[in-house]
Amino acid sequence: MSDAWIYGEANGPAGSTARLLAELGFSPHRLTANGSLRPDDAPGRSPAVVVVVAPTGDICERLSQDEELADVPVLVAVEAEHLDLGEGIADGHELLVHPFSAAELHARIARARRALHGVDHGDVVRCGSLEVNLATYQVTIGGKPVDFTFMEYELLKFFATHPGRVFSREALLSRVWGYDYYGGARTVDVHVRRLRAKLGQEHAGRIKTVRSVGYRWEGA
């Protein structure tokens, strides 16, 4: 079950938003907008989505400045009387006005994901003859299936949904393997080497080594 973080007071809109997220299959974690950026009950994991309930304070800015959370979809949920607050509201990827339904929330999350990554979780990422199906965990090249281990697939999926961005080995370890993984940076290098071998001559070059930094995926 994917995590969803909700920043806002326990009662009112934050509570109803948490219930809608649970209805959509997320595991909601509640935080206060002026408190810790990460919940104590979800250590080592990045959320699938963040909802900030207005007034937002500086939480959107703090999220965007955190390397581990910068590409997590952020929705700002406001009540009609708070629409004139201005500051902070425009910093989210989508704006919701209470009351809203689970269907609208689902649609806004999907749109924010597409805006950030070009795909939603149920889509297929295509890079030439390479296709990564995010719903079925299948990878094909030229229509032929290619077998990957779970972590190889997770690394490939991460690369394919974050094209053009450079990630350090440490960032890849935390984003793909998780904070509770104690392996070193060599783990990333080994998996990149295996990915390149399985992707073959046509696609191995999509994983670019950025010297002294890390790796970048070229999707075009």
Protein backbone atom coordinates (compact mmCIF):
# COMPACT_ATOMS: atom_id res chain seq x y z
CA MET A 1 0.00 0.00 0.00
CA SER A 2 1.40 3.41 -1.00
CA ASP A 3 1.84 6.11 1.62
CA ALA A 4 0.13 9.49 1.47
CA TRP A 5 1.22 12.34 3.75
CA ILE A 6 -1.31 14.95 4.84
CA TYR A 7 -0.13 18.20 6.40
CA GLY A 8 -2.83 19.99 8.40
CA GLU A 9 -4.74 20.09 11.65
CA ALA A 10 -6.20 16.81 12.89
CA ASN A 11 -9.81 17.91 12.57
CA GLY A 12 -11.76 19.28 9.66
CA PRO A 13 -10.50 19.13 6.07
CA ALA A 14 -7.32 17.20 6.90
CA GLY A 15 -9.36 14.43 8.52
CA SER A 16 -11.80 14.14 5.62
CA THR A 17 -8.90 14.18 3.15
CA ALA A 18 -7.22 11.32 5.03
CA ARG A 19 -10.43 9.31 4.83
CA LEU A 20 -10.70 9.87 1.07
CA LEU A 21 -7.07 8.84 0.55
CA ALA A 22 -7.69 5.65 2.54
CA GLU A 23 -10.74 5.01 0.37
CA LEU A 24 -8.47 5.25 -2.68
CA GLY A 25 -6.13 2.63 -1.23
CA PHE A 26 -3.43 4.85 0.26
CA SER A 27 -2.01 4.56 3.75
CA PRO A 28 -2.48 8.10 5.16
CA HIS A 29 -0.01 9.66 7.60
CA ARG A 30 -0.94 12.95 9.25
CA LEU A 31 1.50 15.74 10.08
CA THR A 32 1.24 19.38 11.09
CA ALA A 33 2.32 22.00 8.56
CA ASN A 34 4.74 23.61 11.02
CA GLY A 35 6.19 20.36 12.37
CA SER A 36 8.44 17.57 11.11
CA LEU A 37 8.64 17.07 7.36
CA ARG A 38 8.49 13.27 7.70
CA PRO A 39 6.13 11.14 9.80
CA ASP A 40 7.57 9.09 12.63
CA ASP A 41 5.39 6.10 11.68
CA ALA A 42 6.73 5.85 8.08
CA PRO A 43 10.54 6.00 8.37
CA GLY A 44 12.64 5.33 5.30
CA ARG A 45 9.84 5.65 2.75
CA SER A 46 8.86 8.42 0.39
CA PRO A 47 5.13 8.94 -0.12
CA ALA A 48 3.28 8.42 -3.37
CA VAL A 49 1.48 11.73 -2.87
CA VAL A 50 1.39 14.67 -0.47
CA VAL A 51 -1.68 16.75 0.38
CA VAL A 52 -1.17 20.09 2.11
CA VAL A 53 -4.29 21.53 3.71
CA ALA A 54 -4.32 25.36 3.73
CA PRO A 55 -3.11 27.47 5.42
CA THR A 56 0.08 25.98 3.97
CA GLY A 57 2.81 27.98 5.69
CA ASP A 58 6.17 27.17 4.12
CA ILE A 59 5.56 23.43 3.82
CA CYS A 60 5.41 23.40 0.00
CA GLU A 61 8.73 25.20 -0.21
CA ARG A 62 10.30 22.81 2.30
CA LEU A 63 9.06 19.82 0.29
CA SER A 64 10.43 21.19 -2.99
CA GLN A 65 13.84 21.81 -1.42
CA ASP A 66 14.15 18.25 -0.10
CA GLU A 67 15.97 16.16 -2.73
CA GLU A 68 14.19 13.00 -1.62
CA LEU A 69 10.72 14.56 -1.96
CA ALA A 70 11.15 17.10 -4.75
CA ASP A 71 9.36 14.98 -7.36
CA VAL A 72 6.51 13.73 -5.16
CA PRO A 73 3.13 15.10 -6.35
CA VAL A 74 1.92 17.83 -3.99
CA LEU A 75 -1.76 18.75 -3.87
CA VAL A 76 -2.94 21.81 -1.98
CA ALA A 77 -6.44 21.49 -0.53
CA VAL A 78 -8.22 24.69 0.52
CA GLU A 79 -11.60 25.82 1.68
CA ALA A 80 -13.26 28.48 -0.47
CA GLU A 81 -12.62 31.24 2.09
CA HIS A 82 -8.86 30.55 1.95
CA LEU A 83 -8.51 30.98 -1.80
CA ASP A 84 -7.37 34.55 -1.33
CA LEU A 85 -4.43 33.56 0.90
CA GLY A 86 -2.26 33.45 -2.18
CA GLU A 87 1.12 32.60 -0.73
CA GLY A 88 1.88 28.87 -0.74
CA ILE A 89 -1.21 27.81 -2.66
CA ALA A 90 0.46 28.17 -6.06
CA ASP A 91 3.43 26.05 -4.92
CA GLY A 92 1.55 22.76 -5.21
CA HIS A 93 1.11 20.78 -8.42
CA GLU A 94 -2.70 20.71 -8.12
CA LEU A 95 -5.30 22.76 -6.24
CA LEU A 96 -8.41 21.24 -4.68
CA VAL A 97 -11.30 23.16 -3.13
CA HIS A 98 -13.29 21.54 -0.31
CA PRO A 99 -15.56 19.69 -0.44
CA PHE A 100 -14.29 17.28 -3.09
CA SER A 101 -14.97 13.63 -3.86
CA ALA A 102 -12.65 10.63 -3.93
CA ALA A 103 -13.06 10.57 -7.71
CA GLU A 104 -11.86 14.17 -8.06
CA LEU A 105 -8.97 13.52 -5.69
CA HIS A 106 -7.96 10.47 -7.72
CA ALA A 107 -8.10 12.46 -10.97
CA ARG A 108 -5.99 15.28 -9.54
CA ILE A 109 -3.36 12.86 -8.23
CA ALA A 110 -3.14 11.21 -11.65
CA ARG A 111 -2.81 14.59 -13.37
CA ALA A 112 -0.06 15.71 -10.98
CA ARG A 113 1.85 12.48 -11.63
CA ARG A 114 1.59 12.96 -15.37
CA ALA A 115 2.77 16.56 -15.07
CA LEU A 116 5.80 15.50 -13.04
CA HIS A 117 6.82 12.28 -14.76
CA GLY A 118 4.85 12.13 -18.00
CA VAL A 119 3.16 8.92 -16.81
CA ASP A 120 0.75 7.65 -14.19
CA HIS A 121 1.34 4.38 -12.29
CA GLY A 122 -0.92 2.48 -14.68
CA ASP A 123 0.84 3.70 -17.82
CA VAL A 124 3.51 2.24 -20.06
CA VAL A 125 6.80 4.10 -20.42
CA ARG A 126 8.12 3.85 -23.98
CA CYS A 127 11.66 4.64 -25.03
CA GLY A 128 12.00 3.57 -28.64
CA SER A 129 11.48 -0.20 -28.74
CA LEU A 130 11.76 -0.42 -24.93
CA GLU A 131 8.48 -0.58 -22.98
CA VAL A 132 8.21 -0.58 -19.19
CA ASN A 133 4.71 -1.46 -18.00
CA LEU A 134 4.23 0.18 -14.59
CA ALA A 135 1.05 -1.77 -13.86
CA THR A 136 2.20 -5.31 -14.71
CA TYR A 137 5.92 -5.00 -13.92
CA GLN A 138 6.74 -6.27 -17.40
CA VAL A 139 9.51 -5.03 -19.66
CA THR A 140 9.72 -5.70 -23.37
CA ILE A 141 12.23 -4.76 -26.05
CA GLY A 142 10.92 -4.94 -29.58
CA GLY A 143 7.86 -6.75 -28.23
CA LYS A 144 9.93 -9.50 -26.61
CA PRO A 145 9.84 -9.84 -22.79
CA VAL A 146 13.04 -9.28 -20.84
CA ASP A 147 13.41 -10.72 -17.34
CA PHE A 148 14.66 -8.52 -14.52
CA THR A 149 15.01 -9.17 -10.82
CA PHE A 150 12.72 -7.12 -8.58
CA MET A 151 15.40 -4.55 -7.70
CA GLU A 152 16.66 -4.37 -11.27
CA TYR A 153 13.12 -3.59 -12.37
CA GLU A 154 12.64 -1.02 -9.60
CA LEU A 155 15.84 0.76 -10.63
CA LEU A 156 14.87 0.68 -14.30
CA LYS A 157 11.39 1.99 -13.46
CA PHE A 158 12.88 4.80 -11.41
CA PHE A 159 15.23 5.80 -14.20
CA ALA A 160 12.53 5.61 -16.87
CA THR A 161 10.10 7.78 -14.90
CA HIS A 162 12.74 10.41 -14.08
CA PRO A 163 14.40 11.07 -17.47
CA GLY A 164 17.05 13.74 -17.80
CA ARG A 165 17.73 14.12 -14.08
CA VAL A 166 21.06 13.27 -12.50
CA PHE A 167 20.89 11.19 -9.32
CA SER A 168 23.80 10.46 -7.03
CA ARG A 169 24.40 6.88 -5.95
CA GLU A 170 23.33 7.83 -2.44
CA ALA A 171 20.07 9.33 -3.73
CA LEU A 172 19.35 6.20 -5.78
CA LEU A 173 20.01 4.00 -2.75
CA SER A 174 17.51 5.91 -0.63
CA ARG A 175 14.89 6.29 -3.37
CA VAL A 176 15.00 2.75 -4.79
CA TRP A 177 16.32 0.57 -1.96
CA GLY A 178 15.07 2.66 0.97
CA TYR A 179 16.61 4.33 4.01
CA ASP A 180 16.75 1.06 5.91
CA TYR A 181 19.04 -0.55 3.32
CA TYR A 182 22.62 -0.75 4.56
CA GLY A 183 24.39 -1.61 1.31
CA GLY A 184 26.97 0.78 -0.10
CA ALA A 185 27.10 2.76 -3.32
CA ARG A 186 28.66 -0.24 -5.08
CA THR A 187 25.18 -1.84 -4.97
CA VAL A 188 23.98 0.82 -7.44
CA ASP A 189 26.95 0.29 -9.76
CA VAL A 190 26.39 -3.47 -9.83
CA HIS A 191 22.71 -3.09 -10.67
CA VAL A 192 23.43 -0.49 -13.34
CA ARG A 193 25.91 -2.88 -14.94
CA ARG A 194 23.30 -5.66 -14.93
CA LEU A 195 20.66 -3.34 -16.35
CA ARG A 196 22.91 -2.29 -19.20
CA ALA A 197 23.69 -5.91 -20.02
CA LYS A 198 20.01 -6.86 -20.15
CA LEU A 199 18.96 -3.73 -22.06
CA GLY A 200 21.37 -4.66 -24.82
CA GLN A 201 23.29 -2.53 -27.26
CA GLU A 202 20.25 -0.52 -28.37
CA HIS A 203 19.26 0.76 -24.92
CA ALA A 204 22.25 0.28 -22.58
CA GLY A 205 23.50 3.74 -23.50
CA ARG A 206 20.36 5.35 -22.07
CA ILE A 207 21.92 5.05 -18.61
CA LYS A 208 24.60 7.73 -18.69
CA THR A 209 27.37 7.86 -16.13
CA VAL A 210 27.88 11.39 -14.83
CA ARG A 211 31.44 11.38 -13.60
CA SER A 212 31.92 12.03 -9.87
CA VAL A 213 28.14 12.44 -9.46
CA GLY A 214 26.00 9.43 -10.44
CA TYR A 215 23.69 8.44 -13.28
CA ARG A 216 21.18 10.00 -15.70
CA TRP A 217 18.54 8.29 -17.87
CA GLU A 218 18.06 9.55 -21.42
CA GLY A 219 14.54 8.65 -22.52
CA ALA A 220 14.50 10.41 -25.90
